[in-house]
Every structure is written in C-alpha cells, then in structure tokens.
Amino acid sequence: DRIPFWYPGSPQTAGRFGMRLMFPGPIPQDAYDLYVETWHAHADDPIRFDAPGDRPTVGSTMIMAIDHDESRARDVMQRGMDGLMRRTHAVHQWDAEVLGEEAADAALGPLRRILGHKEAVIENGYGVPSKIVDRLGDVADAGRVDHLIIQVPTGDMTYDEARRTLDLFCSEVQPQLQAA
C-alpha cells in the first residue's frame, strides 16, 4: 500500500503527477474533465505519485454550518468564511520577502479564486439539515466526488457552533445520505 498524495485546488497539477485532487466545494464538470484528461495524458511520466491501479480521485472540501435555524446557520457560515479569508491572507502577507513578488502573487492565486466565489461558497455551505442533504445529494449524484471533507470549525466559528454542525451532520444529514 502507498500513502495517497493529495493536491489542493489545481486539477492540472494533481492530474499531471497522479495525485488525488482536493477541490474547494463541488467540482465543476470542466475542472473534473481537465483533471481526468491530464491524469491520463501524463500516465507514463517518470514522476508520478499514484500506485498501479490508482484512478483519478476527487475530494470536495466544504466549509459547513448546519442549524435548525437557517438564518443562524448563515451567520455562522459568513463568520467562518470571513475569518478564513482574513487568516489565510495574514499567513501570506510576507510571502514576497521570501518568495519574491511573482511567486508570492502566484501563491495567493487560490485565495483570489475563492474570494471571487465567496458568496457561492457561503450559499453552498449553510442550511437546515434537509437543505444540506439535498445539496450533498446533488454533489454525490453528479458522480465527480469520491470524498467529502467538512471543514469545521473554520474562521471565526465557535466551538459550540462547530459542535452543533457536526452533531446535526452525524444525526440528521449522514443517515439520510446513506439511505439514498
């Protein structure tokens, strides 16, 4: 057995080197196709991290806030995203001094992509349990995601809010997804 290597965000890099792809949120068809095509196009390259018999594998990482009160779930999700953005930016604020301007700018690329879709990330990640079941059911039905990674706590989400999300996920969301 080999340890599976995961690569965040870039379908092209993950595919080229035979790594599993960790994608922020549900992966669009064009990004999935790029990943699979690149995986197969570079299957015989000398530097690969996959094992014989491996196939393209996608994990969808999602910030999530679940509550029986929809507006409270949205508030938690908003604070989670705002805190994540602030902290991620703070981590990279001095990159230029170490990497140089061009490499530092490239390192912030994934953050800029997320910022460009911030409202969609928020809308996809919060809700009452039945709404989350429907959303995740749609992700599963699309057939492009093999693993779901739930990010809680994230940003400025409190421990109690994260705990409520996980409790509701385990008690109300997951059983419905497994039954489907």
Protein backbone atom coordinates (compact mmCIF):
# COMPACT_ATOMS: atom_id res chain seq x y z
CA ASP A 1 0.00 0.00 0.00
CA ARG A 2 1.10 3.51 -0.80
CA ILE A 3 0.22 6.63 1.08
CA PRO A 4 -2.17 8.60 -1.16
CA PHE A 5 -0.91 12.06 -2.05
CA TRP A 6 -3.47 14.85 -2.35
CA TYR A 7 -3.02 18.16 -4.15
CA PRO A 8 -5.25 21.15 -3.33
CA GLY A 9 -7.09 23.16 -5.93
CA SER A 10 -5.25 22.58 -9.21
CA PRO A 11 -6.78 19.86 -11.42
CA GLN A 12 -3.87 20.18 -13.84
CA THR A 13 -1.08 19.73 -11.27
CA ALA A 14 -2.87 16.91 -9.45
CA GLY A 15 -3.55 15.08 -12.71
CA ARG A 16 -0.07 15.56 -14.10
CA PHE A 17 1.60 13.97 -11.08
CA GLY A 18 -1.02 11.28 -10.40
CA MET A 19 -2.22 12.78 -7.15
CA ARG A 20 -5.70 12.85 -5.72
CA LEU A 21 -7.37 16.23 -6.14
CA MET A 22 -8.68 18.19 -3.17
CA PHE A 23 -11.13 20.71 -4.60
CA PRO A 24 -12.79 23.60 -2.74
CA GLY A 25 -16.50 22.78 -2.93
CA PRO A 26 -18.34 20.81 -5.58
CA ILE A 27 -16.07 20.35 -8.59
CA PRO A 28 -17.43 21.74 -11.88
CA GLN A 29 -17.52 19.42 -14.87
CA ASP A 30 -14.82 21.35 -16.77
CA ALA A 31 -12.37 21.16 -13.84
CA TYR A 32 -13.12 17.46 -13.39
CA ASP A 33 -12.59 16.79 -17.10
CA LEU A 34 -9.29 18.70 -17.05
CA TYR A 35 -8.11 16.62 -14.07
CA VAL A 36 -9.02 13.28 -15.65
CA GLU A 37 -7.61 14.21 -19.08
CA THR A 38 -4.34 15.45 -17.55
CA TRP A 39 -4.10 12.32 -15.35
CA HIS A 40 -4.30 10.03 -18.40
CA ALA A 41 -2.16 12.23 -20.66
CA HIS A 42 0.73 12.04 -18.18
CA ALA A 43 0.22 8.44 -17.02
CA ASP A 44 3.65 7.39 -18.30
CA ASP A 45 5.60 10.37 -16.96
CA PRO A 46 8.58 9.42 -14.78
CA ILE A 47 7.49 11.46 -11.75
CA ARG A 48 4.12 10.22 -10.52
CA PHE A 49 2.68 9.66 -7.05
CA ASP A 50 -0.01 7.15 -7.97
CA ALA A 51 0.24 3.41 -7.48
CA PRO A 52 -0.58 0.77 -10.11
CA GLY A 53 -4.34 0.59 -10.47
CA ASP A 54 -4.99 4.04 -9.00
CA ARG A 55 -7.54 6.23 -10.72
CA PRO A 56 -8.36 9.92 -10.60
CA THR A 57 -9.94 10.63 -7.21
CA VAL A 58 -11.57 13.85 -6.05
CA GLY A 59 -12.19 15.08 -2.53
CA SER A 60 -14.50 18.04 -2.10
CA THR A 61 -13.68 20.21 0.87
CA MET A 62 -16.55 22.32 2.15
CA ILE A 63 -16.97 24.75 4.98
CA MET A 64 -20.28 23.88 6.56
CA ALA A 65 -22.66 25.39 9.11
CA ILE A 66 -25.79 23.44 9.96
CA ASP A 67 -28.51 24.59 12.33
CA HIS A 68 -32.28 24.20 12.67
CA ASP A 69 -32.43 27.99 12.30
CA GLU A 70 -31.47 28.88 8.73
CA SER A 71 -30.51 32.49 9.49
CA ARG A 72 -28.27 31.40 12.39
CA ALA A 73 -26.57 28.85 10.10
CA ARG A 74 -25.94 31.58 7.52
CA ASP A 75 -24.46 33.89 10.14
CA VAL A 76 -22.12 31.14 11.33
CA MET A 77 -21.11 30.37 7.74
CA GLN A 78 -20.47 34.06 6.99
CA ARG A 79 -18.22 34.41 10.05
CA GLY A 80 -16.47 31.16 9.14
CA MET A 81 -15.64 32.44 5.65
CA ASP A 82 -14.68 35.93 6.78
CA GLY A 83 -12.32 34.53 9.41
CA LEU A 84 -10.83 32.01 6.97
CA MET A 85 -10.13 34.74 4.40
CA ARG A 86 -8.61 37.06 6.99
CA ARG A 87 -6.38 34.37 8.47
CA THR A 88 -5.29 32.99 5.12
CA HIS A 89 -4.37 36.45 3.89
CA ALA A 90 -2.44 37.13 7.11
CA VAL A 91 -0.44 33.92 6.66
CA HIS A 92 0.66 35.02 3.19
CA GLN A 93 1.25 38.72 3.83
CA TRP A 94 5.04 38.37 3.99
CA ASP A 95 5.48 35.83 1.18
CA ALA A 96 7.05 38.38 -1.16
CA GLU A 97 10.00 38.84 1.18
CA VAL A 98 10.83 35.13 0.96
CA LEU A 99 9.49 34.10 -2.45
CA GLY A 100 9.78 37.29 -4.47
CA GLU A 101 6.87 39.28 -5.87
CA GLU A 102 5.93 36.95 -8.73
CA ALA A 103 5.96 33.72 -6.70
CA ALA A 104 4.11 35.40 -3.81
CA ASP A 105 1.45 36.63 -6.21
CA ALA A 106 1.09 33.09 -7.61
CA ALA A 107 0.78 31.66 -4.07
CA LEU A 108 -2.25 33.88 -3.46
CA GLY A 109 -3.97 32.64 -6.63
CA PRO A 110 -6.13 30.03 -4.89
CA LEU A 111 -7.23 32.59 -2.29
CA ARG A 112 -8.22 35.02 -5.04
CA ARG A 113 -10.25 32.28 -6.76
CA ILE A 114 -12.11 31.56 -3.52
CA LEU A 115 -12.70 35.27 -2.90
CA GLY A 116 -14.20 35.53 -6.37
CA HIS A 117 -16.72 32.86 -5.39
CA LYS A 118 -17.12 33.74 -1.72
CA GLU A 119 -20.91 34.18 -1.85
CA ALA A 120 -21.32 30.86 -3.66
CA VAL A 121 -19.18 29.13 -1.03
CA ILE A 122 -21.34 30.65 1.69
CA GLU A 123 -24.59 29.72 -0.07
CA ASN A 124 -23.44 26.13 -0.65
CA GLY A 125 -22.25 25.59 2.90
CA TYR A 126 -25.04 26.54 5.27
CA GLY A 127 -28.56 25.45 5.99
CA VAL A 128 -31.00 23.33 7.89
CA PRO A 129 -30.26 19.58 7.77
CA SER A 130 -32.74 18.83 4.95
CA LYS A 131 -31.20 21.55 2.77
CA ILE A 132 -27.69 20.16 3.36
CA VAL A 133 -28.94 16.65 2.49
CA ASP A 134 -30.30 17.96 -0.82
CA ARG A 135 -27.08 19.84 -1.63
CA LEU A 136 -24.78 16.94 -0.80
CA GLY A 137 -27.10 14.56 -2.62
CA ASP A 138 -26.67 16.70 -5.74
CA VAL A 139 -22.87 16.55 -5.29
CA ALA A 140 -22.99 12.76 -4.96
CA ASP A 141 -25.39 12.36 -7.89
CA ALA A 142 -23.03 14.28 -10.18
CA GLY A 143 -20.54 11.42 -9.74
CA ARG A 144 -17.41 13.57 -9.70
CA VAL A 145 -16.61 13.50 -5.96
CA ASP A 146 -15.28 10.45 -4.12
CA HIS A 147 -14.69 12.02 -0.69
CA LEU A 148 -16.28 14.84 1.26
CA ILE A 149 -14.16 16.80 3.73
CA ILE A 150 -16.11 19.03 6.09
CA GLN A 151 -14.18 21.99 7.48
CA VAL A 152 -15.38 22.80 10.99
CA PRO A 153 -14.52 24.82 12.92
CA THR A 154 -13.34 27.35 10.39
CA GLY A 155 -12.56 31.03 10.62
CA ASP A 156 -14.49 32.69 13.41
CA MET A 157 -16.87 29.80 14.01
CA THR A 158 -17.09 28.98 17.72
CA TYR A 159 -16.53 25.56 19.18
CA ASP A 160 -20.24 25.29 20.08
CA GLU A 161 -21.27 26.23 16.53
CA ALA A 162 -18.87 23.67 15.08
CA ARG A 163 -20.14 21.04 17.53
CA ARG A 164 -23.77 21.77 16.57
CA THR A 165 -22.87 21.43 12.89
CA LEU A 166 -21.13 18.09 13.45
CA ASP A 167 -23.90 16.78 15.70
CA LEU A 168 -26.57 17.63 13.12
CA PHE A 169 -24.45 16.25 10.31
CA CYS A 170 -23.98 12.93 12.11
CA SER A 171 -27.55 12.62 13.42
CA GLU A 172 -29.65 14.04 10.56
CA VAL A 173 -27.63 14.51 7.37
CA GLN A 174 -25.39 11.46 7.12
CA PRO A 175 -28.14 8.87 7.82
CA GLN A 176 -30.27 10.35 5.03
CA LEU A 177 -27.34 10.37 2.60
CA GLN A 178 -26.52 6.75 3.40
CA ALA A 179 -30.15 5.73 2.89
CA ALA A 180 -30.27 7.36 -0.56
